[in-house]
Amino acid sequence: MPRMLIGRFLGWIALFAAGAVLVRDGLAWADTRALTPLSLGGLWSNLNASGLIAARHMIERLAPWLWHGAFGPVLAIWALPVLAIVGAALLWTCRRTRPRRFRKTSVTRRPF
């Protein structure tokens, strides 16, 4: 049960982040009249630039082909669909499996 709750919470966070990226991209388009979508790498750089740089140096030191072949292209993907798909997938997989039970009220409805 706690795993499902954490999964739903992270799903809502991812959907909220996708909405924030959508608003950012919309405001950037309205300001410049040019579509400049925010990539995953750009989002990571905006949130924690030193962490991105440290991760790049560590990966390039251990396996340079891994950065250029896998991480670089993945970080170049537009962040909006990735966050939206991850959020929707988390919410769908961590959904409630049983229907909610509602309390029965003591007042019964009578037809007129």
Foldseek 3Di string as FASTA:
>chain_A
DVVLVVLLVLLVVLLVVLVVQVVVQVVVCVVPVDRDAQFQLNVCCVVPVVVSVVVQVVCCVVPVCCCVPPVVVNRRHGSNVVSNVSSVVSCVVSDDPDDDDDDDDPDDDDDD
